[in-house]
Amino acid sequence: MDKDMTSPSETTAPEACAFRVFRRFKLHLLMILIQMSYTALYFITEAAFNSGLNPHVYVTYRHIVGGVVMFPVAYFLERKVRPKMTLSIFLEISLLSFIG
């Protein structure tokens, strides 16, 4: 068997214990990571506004970055499950985007 591919019975006790702790507190750690990310975003926003950035420009940049980051995730993870683009779906998307 490959060294990297060890079965759970072959792992050492500290590794197994650390893995169990991580699995138990995974949601808590993710919540802390999200809060830290929001804090960093707040400080970046404050620094940008204090240096004279227009809030409308900031919102535009934020949406562009969000779209660029989310596009590959949505494209590759949901490539097989999205419905075929029919005329009715296209019209529905157009109507919903028009009314906001």
PDB file of N, CA and C in Angstrom:
ATOM      1  N   MET A   1       0.846  -1.191   0.000  1.00  0.00           N
ATOM      2  CA  MET A   1       0.000   0.000   0.000  1.00  0.00           C
ATOM      3  C   MET A   1       0.879   1.238   0.000  1.00  0.00           C
ATOM      4  N   ASP A   2       0.462   2.260  -0.632  1.00  0.00           N
ATOM      5  CA  ASP A   2       1.198   3.511  -0.731  1.00  0.00           C
ATOM      6  C   ASP A   2       1.264   4.183   0.637  1.00  0.00           C
ATOM      7  N   LYS A   3       2.356   4.890   0.918  1.00  0.00           N
ATOM      8  CA  LYS A   3       2.509   5.546   2.217  1.00  0.00           C
ATOM      9  C   LYS A   3       1.458   6.621   2.451  1.00  0.00           C
ATOM     10  N   ASP A   4       1.069   7.338   1.380  1.00  0.00           N
ATOM     11  CA  ASP A   4       0.095   8.411   1.525  1.00  0.00           C
ATOM     12  C   ASP A   4      -1.321   7.887   1.704  1.00  0.00           C
ATOM     13  N   MET A   5      -1.563   6.685   1.267  1.00  0.00           N
ATOM     14  CA  MET A   5      -2.907   6.117   1.314  1.00  0.00           C
ATOM     15  C   MET A   5      -3.004   5.112   2.461  1.00  0.00           C
ATOM     16  N   THR A   6      -2.955   5.567   3.688  1.00  0.00           N
ATOM     17  CA  THR A   6      -3.038   4.678   4.831  1.00  0.00           C
ATOM     18  C   THR A   6      -4.486   4.481   5.224  1.00  0.00           C
ATOM     19  N   SER A   7      -4.780   3.311   5.695  1.00  0.00           N
ATOM     20  CA  SER A   7      -6.139   3.039   6.148  1.00  0.00           C
ATOM     21  C   SER A   7      -6.322   3.625   7.540  1.00  0.00           C
ATOM     22  N   PRO A   8      -7.564   3.789   7.996  1.00  0.00           N
ATOM     23  CA  PRO A   8      -7.789   4.383   9.314  1.00  0.00           C
ATOM     24  C   PRO A   8      -7.157   3.582  10.446  1.00  0.00           C
ATOM     25  N   SER A   9      -7.012   2.263  10.281  1.00  0.00           N
ATOM     26  CA  SER A   9      -6.406   1.466  11.345  1.00  0.00           C
ATOM     27  C   SER A   9      -4.904   1.680  11.430  1.00  0.00           C
ATOM     28  N   GLU A  10      -4.277   2.177  10.338  1.00  0.00           N
ATOM     29  CA  GLU A  10      -2.837   2.381  10.324  1.00  0.00           C
ATOM     30  C   GLU A  10      -2.431   3.785  10.758  1.00  0.00           C
ATOM     31  N   THR A  11      -3.372   4.682  10.968  1.00  0.00           N
ATOM     32  CA  THR A  11      -3.017   6.030  11.380  1.00  0.00           C
ATOM     33  C   THR A  11      -2.606   6.026  12.831  1.00  0.00           C
ATOM     34  N   THR A  12      -1.738   6.956  13.161  1.00  0.00           N
ATOM     35  CA  THR A  12      -1.309   7.043  14.543  1.00  0.00           C
ATOM     36  C   THR A  12      -2.380   7.706  15.381  1.00  0.00           C
ATOM     37  N   ALA A  13      -2.294   7.530  16.665  1.00  0.00           N
ATOM     38  CA  ALA A  13      -3.319   8.056  17.568  1.00  0.00           C
ATOM     39  C   ALA A  13      -3.438   9.582  17.507  1.00  0.00           C
ATOM     40  N   PRO A  14      -2.327  10.347  17.510  1.00  0.00           N
ATOM     41  CA  PRO A  14      -2.493  11.811  17.436  1.00  0.00           C
ATOM     42  C   PRO A  14      -3.154  12.278  16.141  1.00  0.00           C
ATOM     43  N   GLU A  15      -2.831  11.631  15.007  1.00  0.00           N
ATOM     44  CA  GLU A  15      -3.458  12.017  13.750  1.00  0.00           C
ATOM     45  C   GLU A  15      -4.954  11.746  13.775  1.00  0.00           C
ATOM     46  N   ALA A  16      -5.342  10.592  14.290  1.00  0.00           N
ATOM     47  CA  ALA A  16      -6.759  10.243  14.352  1.00  0.00           C
ATOM     48  C   ALA A  16      -7.494  11.170  15.308  1.00  0.00           C
ATOM     49  N   CYS A  17      -6.857  11.520  16.399  1.00  0.00           N
ATOM     50  CA  CYS A  17      -7.480  12.422  17.370  1.00  0.00           C
ATOM     51  C   CYS A  17      -7.654  13.821  16.776  1.00  0.00           C
ATOM     52  N   ALA A  18      -6.630  14.291  16.081  1.00  0.00           N
ATOM     53  CA  ALA A  18      -6.725  15.615  15.467  1.00  0.00           C
ATOM     54  C   ALA A  18      -7.794  15.639  14.385  1.00  0.00           C
ATOM     55  N   PHE A  19      -7.917  14.555  13.636  1.00  0.00           N
ATOM     56  CA  PHE A  19      -8.935  14.493  12.604  1.00  0.00           C
ATOM     57  C   PHE A  19     -10.332  14.502  13.215  1.00  0.00           C
ATOM     58  N   ARG A  20     -10.514  13.775  14.320  1.00  0.00           N
ATOM     59  CA  ARG A  20     -11.820  13.769  14.992  1.00  0.00           C
ATOM     60  C   ARG A  20     -12.165  15.145  15.541  1.00  0.00           C
ATOM     61  N   VAL A  21     -11.173  15.833  16.096  1.00  0.00           N
ATOM     62  CA  VAL A  21     -11.407  17.182  16.622  1.00  0.00           C
ATOM     63  C   VAL A  21     -11.773  18.122  15.481  1.00  0.00           C
ATOM     64  N   PHE A  22     -11.061  18.016  14.360  1.00  0.00           N
ATOM     65  CA  PHE A  22     -11.381  18.866  13.213  1.00  0.00           C
ATOM     66  C   PHE A  22     -12.792  18.589  12.709  1.00  0.00           C
ATOM     67  N   ARG A  23     -13.173  17.323  12.584  1.00  0.00           N
ATOM     68  CA  ARG A  23     -14.520  16.999  12.112  1.00  0.00           C
ATOM     69  C   ARG A  23     -15.577  17.503  13.075  1.00  0.00           C
ATOM     70  N   ARG A  24     -15.285  17.453  14.360  1.00  0.00           N
ATOM     71  CA  ARG A  24     -16.270  17.878  15.353  1.00  0.00           C
ATOM     72  C   ARG A  24     -16.468  19.392  15.324  1.00  0.00           C
ATOM     73  N   PHE A  25     -15.389  20.145  15.130  1.00  0.00           N
ATOM     74  CA  PHE A  25     -15.459  21.598  15.206  1.00  0.00           C
ATOM     75  C   PHE A  25     -15.333  22.274  13.843  1.00  0.00           C
ATOM     76  N   LYS A  26     -15.590  21.533  12.763  1.00  0.00           N
ATOM     77  CA  LYS A  26     -15.428  22.088  11.424  1.00  0.00           C
ATOM     78  C   LYS A  26     -16.335  23.301  11.200  1.00  0.00           C
ATOM     79  N   LEU A  27     -17.581  23.208  11.599  1.00  0.00           N
ATOM     80  CA  LEU A  27     -18.495  24.334  11.400  1.00  0.00           C
ATOM     81  C   LEU A  27     -18.087  25.542  12.226  1.00  0.00           C
ATOM     82  N   HIS A  28     -17.601  25.305  13.426  1.00  0.00           N
ATOM     83  CA  HIS A  28     -17.148  26.416  14.263  1.00  0.00           C
ATOM     84  C   HIS A  28     -15.931  27.104  13.644  1.00  0.00           C
ATOM     85  N   LEU A  29     -14.999  26.299  13.132  1.00  0.00           N
ATOM     86  CA  LEU A  29     -13.809  26.872  12.504  1.00  0.00           C
ATOM     87  C   LEU A  29     -14.174  27.643  11.239  1.00  0.00           C
ATOM     88  N   LEU A  30     -15.127  27.130  10.471  1.00  0.00           N
ATOM     89  CA  LEU A  30     -15.567  27.859   9.281  1.00  0.00           C
ATOM     90  C   LEU A  30     -16.252  29.162   9.658  1.00  0.00           C
ATOM     91  N   MET A  31     -17.028  29.161  10.736  1.00  0.00           N
ATOM     92  CA  MET A  31     -17.685  30.380  11.187  1.00  0.00           C
ATOM     93  C   MET A  31     -16.651  31.422  11.605  1.00  0.00           C
ATOM     94  N   ILE A  32     -15.609  30.998  12.293  1.00  0.00           N
ATOM     95  CA  ILE A  32     -14.538  31.917  12.690  1.00  0.00           C
ATOM     96  C   ILE A  32     -13.815  32.449  11.457  1.00  0.00           C
ATOM     97  N   LEU A  33     -13.560  31.586  10.471  1.00  0.00           N
ATOM     98  CA  LEU A  33     -12.900  32.015   9.241  1.00  0.00           C
ATOM     99  C   LEU A  33     -13.749  33.043   8.495  1.00  0.00           C
ATOM    100  N   ILE A  34     -15.057  32.837   8.448  1.00  0.00           N
ATOM    101  CA  ILE A  34     -15.935  33.792   7.777  1.00  0.00           C
ATOM    102  C   ILE A  34     -15.928  35.129   8.503  1.00  0.00           C
ATOM    103  N   GLN A  35     -15.970  35.108   9.829  1.00  0.00           N
ATOM    104  CA  GLN A  35     -15.936  36.359  10.594  1.00  0.00           C
ATOM    105  C   GLN A  35     -14.625  37.103  10.373  1.00  0.00           C
ATOM    106  N   MET A  36     -13.515  36.372  10.310  1.00  0.00           N
ATOM    107  CA  MET A  36     -12.226  37.006  10.048  1.00  0.00           C
ATOM    108  C   MET A  36     -12.184  37.596   8.647  1.00  0.00           C
ATOM    109  N   SER A  37     -12.815  36.917   7.685  1.00  0.00           N
ATOM    110  CA  SER A  37     -12.871  37.442   6.325  1.00  0.00           C
ATOM    111  C   SER A  37     -13.693  38.725   6.267  1.00  0.00           C
ATOM    112  N   TYR A  38     -14.824  38.751   6.976  1.00  0.00           N
ATOM    113  CA  TYR A  38     -15.631  39.970   7.017  1.00  0.00           C
ATOM    114  C   TYR A  38     -14.867  41.118   7.682  1.00  0.00           C
ATOM    115  N   THR A  39     -14.095  40.813   8.705  1.00  0.00           N
ATOM    116  CA  THR A  39     -13.299  41.844   9.361  1.00  0.00           C
ATOM    117  C   THR A  39     -12.249  42.412   8.417  1.00  0.00           C
ATOM    118  N   ALA A  40     -11.573  41.528   7.689  1.00  0.00           N
ATOM    119  CA  ALA A  40     -10.577  41.988   6.720  1.00  0.00           C
ATOM    120  C   ALA A  40     -11.234  42.826   5.629  1.00  0.00           C
ATOM    121  N   LEU A  41     -12.402  42.406   5.163  1.00  0.00           N
ATOM    122  CA  LEU A  41     -13.121  43.175   4.148  1.00  0.00           C
ATOM    123  C   LEU A  41     -13.525  44.547   4.680  1.00  0.00           C
ATOM    124  N   TYR A  42     -13.920  44.604   5.945  1.00  0.00           N
ATOM    125  CA  TYR A  42     -14.281  45.888   6.547  1.00  0.00           C
ATOM    126  C   TYR A  42     -13.092  46.845   6.562  1.00  0.00           C
ATOM    127  N   PHE A  43     -11.925  46.350   6.974  1.00  0.00           N
ATOM    128  CA  PHE A  43     -10.738  47.208   7.024  1.00  0.00           C
ATOM    129  C   PHE A  43     -10.303  47.649   5.628  1.00  0.00           C
ATOM    130  N   ILE A  44     -10.409  46.759   4.655  1.00  0.00           N
ATOM    131  CA  ILE A  44     -10.069  47.133   3.277  1.00  0.00           C
ATOM    132  C   ILE A  44     -11.042  48.202   2.777  1.00  0.00           C
ATOM    133  N   THR A  45     -12.327  48.020   3.098  1.00  0.00           N
ATOM    134  CA  THR A  45     -13.334  48.993   2.678  1.00  0.00           C
ATOM    135  C   THR A  45     -13.090  50.356   3.316  1.00  0.00           C
ATOM    136  N   GLU A  46     -12.809  50.363   4.604  1.00  0.00           N
ATOM    137  CA  GLU A  46     -12.542  51.631   5.291  1.00  0.00           C
ATOM    138  C   GLU A  46     -11.317  52.329   4.706  1.00  0.00           C
ATOM    139  N   ALA A  47     -10.268  51.564   4.443  1.00  0.00           N
ATOM    140  CA  ALA A  47      -9.060  52.169   3.863  1.00  0.00           C
ATOM    141  C   ALA A  47      -9.341  52.722   2.470  1.00  0.00           C
ATOM    142  N   ALA A  48     -10.157  52.012   1.683  1.00  0.00           N
ATOM    143  CA  ALA A  48     -10.471  52.489   0.335  1.00  0.00           C
ATOM    144  C   ALA A  48     -11.305  53.758   0.390  1.00  0.00           C
ATOM    145  N   PHE A  49     -12.290  53.798   1.285  1.00  0.00           N
ATOM    146  CA  PHE A  49     -13.134  54.992   1.385  1.00  0.00           C
ATOM    147  C   PHE A  49     -12.355  56.178   1.949  1.00  0.00           C
ATOM    148  N   ASN A  50     -11.461  55.921   2.898  1.00  0.00           N
ATOM    149  CA  ASN A  50     -10.652  57.009   3.460  1.00  0.00           C
ATOM    150  C   ASN A  50      -9.675  57.578   2.441  1.00  0.00           C
ATOM    151  N   SER A  51      -9.277  56.774   1.471  1.00  0.00           N
ATOM    152  CA  SER A  51      -8.360  57.280   0.447  1.00  0.00           C
ATOM    153  C   SER A  51      -9.106  57.946  -0.704  1.00  0.00           C
ATOM    154  N   GLY A  52     -10.442  57.974  -0.643  1.00  0.00           N
ATOM    155  CA  GLY A  52     -11.206  58.728  -1.621  1.00  0.00           C
ATOM    156  C   GLY A  52     -11.926  57.912  -2.677  1.00  0.00           C
ATOM    157  N   LEU A  53     -12.062  56.612  -2.491  1.00  0.00           N
ATOM    158  CA  LEU A  53     -12.760  55.793  -3.475  1.00  0.00           C
ATOM    159  C   LEU A  53     -14.264  56.050  -3.392  1.00  0.00           C
ATOM    160  N   ASN A  54     -14.881  56.220  -4.533  1.00  0.00           N
ATOM    161  CA  ASN A  54     -16.322  56.432  -4.613  1.00  0.00           C
ATOM    162  C   ASN A  54     -17.035  55.135  -4.220  1.00  0.00           C
ATOM    163  N   PRO A  55     -18.060  55.196  -3.361  1.00  0.00           N
ATOM    164  CA  PRO A  55     -18.776  53.977  -2.962  1.00  0.00           C
ATOM    165  C   PRO A  55     -19.412  53.228  -4.135  1.00  0.00           C
ATOM    166  N   HIS A  56     -19.871  53.946  -5.151  1.00  0.00           N
ATOM    167  CA  HIS A  56     -20.459  53.274  -6.314  1.00  0.00           C
ATOM    168  C   HIS A  56     -19.402  52.480  -7.084  1.00  0.00           C
ATOM    169  N   VAL A  57     -18.220  53.022  -7.180  1.00  0.00           N
ATOM    170  CA  VAL A  57     -17.132  52.306  -7.846  1.00  0.00           C
ATOM    171  C   VAL A  57     -16.737  51.079  -7.028  1.00  0.00           C
ATOM    172  N   TYR A  58     -16.709  51.221  -5.712  1.00  0.00           N
ATOM    173  CA  TYR A  58     -16.363  50.097  -4.841  1.00  0.00           C
ATOM    174  C   TYR A  58     -17.366  48.957  -4.995  1.00  0.00           C
ATOM    175  N   VAL A  59     -18.645  49.285  -5.032  1.00  0.00           N
ATOM    176  CA  VAL A  59     -19.676  48.251  -5.193  1.00  0.00           C
ATOM    177  C   VAL A  59     -19.520  47.563  -6.546  1.00  0.00           C
ATOM    178  N   THR A  60     -19.195  48.327  -7.584  1.00  0.00           N
ATOM    179  CA  THR A  60     -18.984  47.737  -8.896  1.00  0.00           C
ATOM    180  C   THR A  60     -17.799  46.789  -8.882  1.00  0.00           C
ATOM    181  N   TYR A  61     -16.689  47.204  -8.290  1.00  0.00           N
ATOM    182  CA  TYR A  61     -15.521  46.318  -8.187  1.00  0.00           C
ATOM    183  C   TYR A  61     -15.847  45.064  -7.384  1.00  0.00           C
ATOM    184  N   ARG A  62     -16.590  45.227  -6.322  1.00  0.00           N
ATOM    185  CA  ARG A  62     -16.927  44.087  -5.464  1.00  0.00           C
ATOM    186  C   ARG A  62     -17.784  43.073  -6.229  1.00  0.00           C
ATOM    187  N   HIS A  63     -18.733  43.549  -7.025  1.00  0.00           N
ATOM    188  CA  HIS A  63     -19.556  42.638  -7.813  1.00  0.00           C
ATOM    189  C   HIS A  63     -18.749  41.951  -8.911  1.00  0.00           C
ATOM    190  N   ILE A  64     -17.832  42.666  -9.514  1.00  0.00           N
ATOM    191  CA  ILE A  64     -16.991  42.061 -10.552  1.00  0.00           C
ATOM    192  C   ILE A  64     -16.121  40.961  -9.955  1.00  0.00           C
ATOM    193  N   VAL A  65     -15.496  41.241  -8.827  1.00  0.00           N
ATOM    194  CA  VAL A  65     -14.643  40.232  -8.185  1.00  0.00           C
ATOM    195  C   VAL A  65     -15.476  39.032  -7.746  1.00  0.00           C
ATOM    196  N   GLY A  66     -16.651  39.276  -7.193  1.00  0.00           N
ATOM    197  CA  GLY A  66     -17.518  38.173  -6.785  1.00  0.00           C
ATOM    198  C   GLY A  66     -17.936  37.306  -7.956  1.00  0.00           C
ATOM    199  N   GLY A  67     -18.262  37.935  -9.076  1.00  0.00           N
ATOM    200  CA  GLY A  67     -18.637  37.169 -10.261  1.00  0.00           C
ATOM    201  C   GLY A  67     -17.491  36.355 -10.820  1.00  0.00           C
ATOM    202  N   VAL A  68     -16.300  36.946 -10.844  1.00  0.00           N
ATOM    203  CA  VAL A  68     -15.123  36.230 -11.357  1.00  0.00           C
ATOM    204  C   VAL A  68     -14.770  35.055 -10.456  1.00  0.00           C
ATOM    205  N   VAL A  69     -14.932  35.219  -9.153  1.00  0.00           N
ATOM    206  CA  VAL A  69     -14.618  34.132  -8.219  1.00  0.00           C
ATOM    207  C   VAL A  69     -15.672  33.024  -8.295  1.00  0.00           C
ATOM    208  N   MET A  70     -16.936  33.389  -8.419  1.00  0.00           N
ATOM    209  CA  MET A  70     -18.006  32.388  -8.397  1.00  0.00           C
ATOM    210  C   MET A  70     -18.220  31.693  -9.737  1.00  0.00           C
ATOM    211  N   PHE A  71     -17.834  32.307 -10.836  1.00  0.00           N
ATOM    212  CA  PHE A  71     -18.083  31.711 -12.145  1.00  0.00           C
ATOM    213  C   PHE A  71     -17.475  30.325 -12.305  1.00  0.00           C
ATOM    214  N   PRO A  72     -16.184  30.117 -12.016  1.00  0.00           N
ATOM    215  CA  PRO A  72     -15.628  28.765 -12.200  1.00  0.00           C
ATOM    216  C   PRO A  72     -16.285  27.731 -11.292  1.00  0.00           C
ATOM    217  N   VAL A  73     -16.610  28.131 -10.073  1.00  0.00           N
ATOM    218  CA  VAL A  73     -17.247  27.192  -9.149  1.00  0.00           C
ATOM    219  C   VAL A  73     -18.606  26.771  -9.695  1.00  0.00           C
ATOM    220  N   ALA A  74     -19.406  27.739 -10.109  1.00  0.00           N
ATOM    221  CA  ALA A  74     -20.737  27.427 -10.634  1.00  0.00           C
ATOM    222  C   ALA A  74     -20.649  26.653 -11.947  1.00  0.00           C
ATOM    223  N   TYR A  75     -19.712  27.007 -12.788  1.00  0.00           N
ATOM    224  CA  TYR A  75     -19.609  26.344 -14.093  1.00  0.00           C
ATOM    225  C   TYR A  75     -19.191  24.894 -13.954  1.00  0.00           C
ATOM    226  N   PHE A  76     -18.157  24.630 -13.177  1.00  0.00           N
ATOM    227  CA  PHE A  76     -17.631  23.273 -13.117  1.00  0.00           C
ATOM    228  C   PHE A  76     -18.412  22.362 -12.177  1.00  0.00           C
ATOM    229  N   LEU A  77     -18.962  22.896 -11.091  1.00  0.00           N
ATOM    230  CA  LEU A  77     -19.691  22.037 -10.166  1.00  0.00           C
ATOM    231  C   LEU A  77     -21.131  21.780 -10.594  1.00  0.00           C
ATOM    232  N   GLU A  78     -21.730  22.691 -11.334  1.00  0.00           N
ATOM    233  CA  GLU A  78     -23.126  22.534 -11.718  1.00  0.00           C
ATOM    234  C   GLU A  78     -23.305  22.352 -13.217  1.00  0.00           C
ATOM    235  N   ARG A  79     -22.255  21.951 -13.886  1.00  0.00           N
ATOM    236  CA  ARG A  79     -22.296  21.804 -15.337  1.00  0.00           C
ATOM    237  C   ARG A  79     -23.286  20.718 -15.763  1.00  0.00           C
ATOM    238  N   LYS A  80     -23.378  19.644 -15.002  1.00  0.00           N
ATOM    239  CA  LYS A  80     -24.222  18.516 -15.396  1.00  0.00           C
ATOM    240  C   LYS A  80     -25.674  18.663 -14.951  1.00  0.00           C
ATOM    241  N   VAL A  81     -25.961  19.540 -13.990  1.00  0.00           N
ATOM    242  CA  VAL A  81     -27.302  19.593 -13.412  1.00  0.00           C
ATOM    243  C   VAL A  81     -28.126  20.784 -13.881  1.00  0.00           C
ATOM    244  N   ARG A  82     -27.555  21.700 -14.591  1.00  0.00           N
ATOM    245  CA  ARG A  82     -28.343  22.861 -15.002  1.00  0.00           C
ATOM    246  C   ARG A  82     -29.251  22.490 -16.178  1.00  0.00           C
ATOM    247  N   PRO A  83     -30.433  23.109 -16.244  1.00  0.00           N
ATOM    248  CA  PRO A  83     -31.376  22.768 -17.319  1.00  0.00           C
ATOM    249  C   PRO A  83     -30.923  23.342 -18.658  1.00  0.00           C
ATOM    250  N   LYS A  84     -31.460  22.774 -19.710  1.00  0.00           N
ATOM    251  CA  LYS A  84     -31.156  23.259 -21.050  1.00  0.00           C
ATOM    252  C   LYS A  84     -31.784  24.640 -21.237  1.00  0.00           C
ATOM    253  N   MET A  85     -31.083  25.523 -21.933  1.00  0.00           N
ATOM    254  CA  MET A  85     -31.567  26.885 -22.130  1.00  0.00           C
ATOM    255  C   MET A  85     -32.632  26.881 -23.229  1.00  0.00           C
ATOM    256  N   THR A  86     -33.887  26.894 -22.800  1.00  0.00           N
ATOM    257  CA  THR A  86     -34.995  26.967 -23.749  1.00  0.00           C
ATOM    258  C   THR A  86     -35.476  28.408 -23.833  1.00  0.00           C
ATOM    259  N   LEU A  87     -36.367  28.670 -24.768  1.00  0.00           N
ATOM    260  CA  LEU A  87     -36.892  30.020 -24.927  1.00  0.00           C
ATOM    261  C   LEU A  87     -37.661  30.463 -23.685  1.00  0.00           C
ATOM    262  N   SER A  88     -38.429  29.557 -23.089  1.00  0.00           N
ATOM    263  CA  SER A  88     -39.205  29.941 -21.902  1.00  0.00           C
ATOM    264  C   SER A  88     -38.283  30.254 -20.716  1.00  0.00           C
ATOM    265  N   ILE A  89     -37.226  29.486 -20.533  1.00  0.00           N
ATOM    266  CA  ILE A  89     -36.284  29.771 -19.447  1.00  0.00           C
ATOM    267  C   ILE A  89     -35.559  31.082 -19.717  1.00  0.00           C
ATOM    268  N   PHE A  90     -35.170  31.325 -20.957  1.00  0.00           N
ATOM    269  CA  PHE A  90     -34.498  32.579 -21.305  1.00  0.00           C
ATOM    270  C   PHE A  90     -35.402  33.779 -21.036  1.00  0.00           C
ATOM    271  N   LEU A  91     -36.674  33.676 -21.417  1.00  0.00           N
ATOM    272  CA  LEU A  91     -37.609  34.770 -21.168  1.00  0.00           C
ATOM    273  C   LEU A  91     -37.848  34.981 -19.682  1.00  0.00           C
ATOM    274  N   GLU A  92     -37.905  33.886 -18.922  1.00  0.00           N
ATOM    275  CA  GLU A  92     -38.079  34.009 -17.472  1.00  0.00           C
ATOM    276  C   GLU A  92     -36.882  34.705 -16.828  1.00  0.00           C
ATOM    277  N   ILE A  93     -35.686  34.323 -17.221  1.00  0.00           N
ATOM    278  CA  ILE A  93     -34.478  34.971 -16.696  1.00  0.00           C
ATOM    279  C   ILE A  93     -34.463  36.444 -17.079  1.00  0.00           C
ATOM    280  N   SER A  94     -34.818  36.740 -18.313  1.00  0.00           N
ATOM    281  CA  SER A  94     -34.836  38.135 -18.769  1.00  0.00           C
ATOM    282  C   SER A  94     -35.843  38.953 -17.986  1.00  0.00           C
ATOM    283  N   LEU A  95     -37.035  38.419 -17.771  1.00  0.00           N
ATOM    284  CA  LEU A  95     -38.059  39.129 -17.031  1.00  0.00           C
ATOM    285  C   LEU A  95     -37.635  39.361 -15.580  1.00  0.00           C
ATOM    286  N   LEU A  96     -37.092  38.328 -14.945  1.00  0.00           N
ATOM    287  CA  LEU A  96     -36.679  38.468 -13.546  1.00  0.00           C
ATOM    288  C   LEU A  96     -35.507  39.435 -13.404  1.00  0.00           C
ATOM    289  N   SER A  97     -34.599  39.446 -14.364  1.00  0.00           N
ATOM    290  CA  SER A  97     -33.482  40.392 -14.275  1.00  0.00           C
ATOM    291  C   SER A  97     -33.939  41.815 -14.569  1.00  0.00           C
ATOM    292  N   PHE A  98     -34.976  41.966 -15.380  1.00  0.00           N
ATOM    293  CA  PHE A  98     -35.481  43.299 -15.693  1.00  0.00           C
ATOM    294  C   PHE A  98     -36.208  43.926 -14.496  1.00  0.00           C
ATOM    295  N   ILE A  99     -36.987  43.106 -13.771  1.00  0.00           N
ATOM    296  CA  ILE A  99     -37.742  43.659 -12.642  1.00  0.00           C
ATOM    297  C   ILE A  99     -36.940  43.670 -11.342  1.00  0.00           C
ATOM    298  N   GLY A 100     -35.772  43.061 -11.366  1.00  0.00           N
ATOM    299  CA  GLY A 100     -34.871  43.169 -10.233  1.00  0.00           C
ATOM    300  C   GLY A 100     -35.102  42.151  -9.210  1.00  0.00           C
TER     301      GLY A 100
END
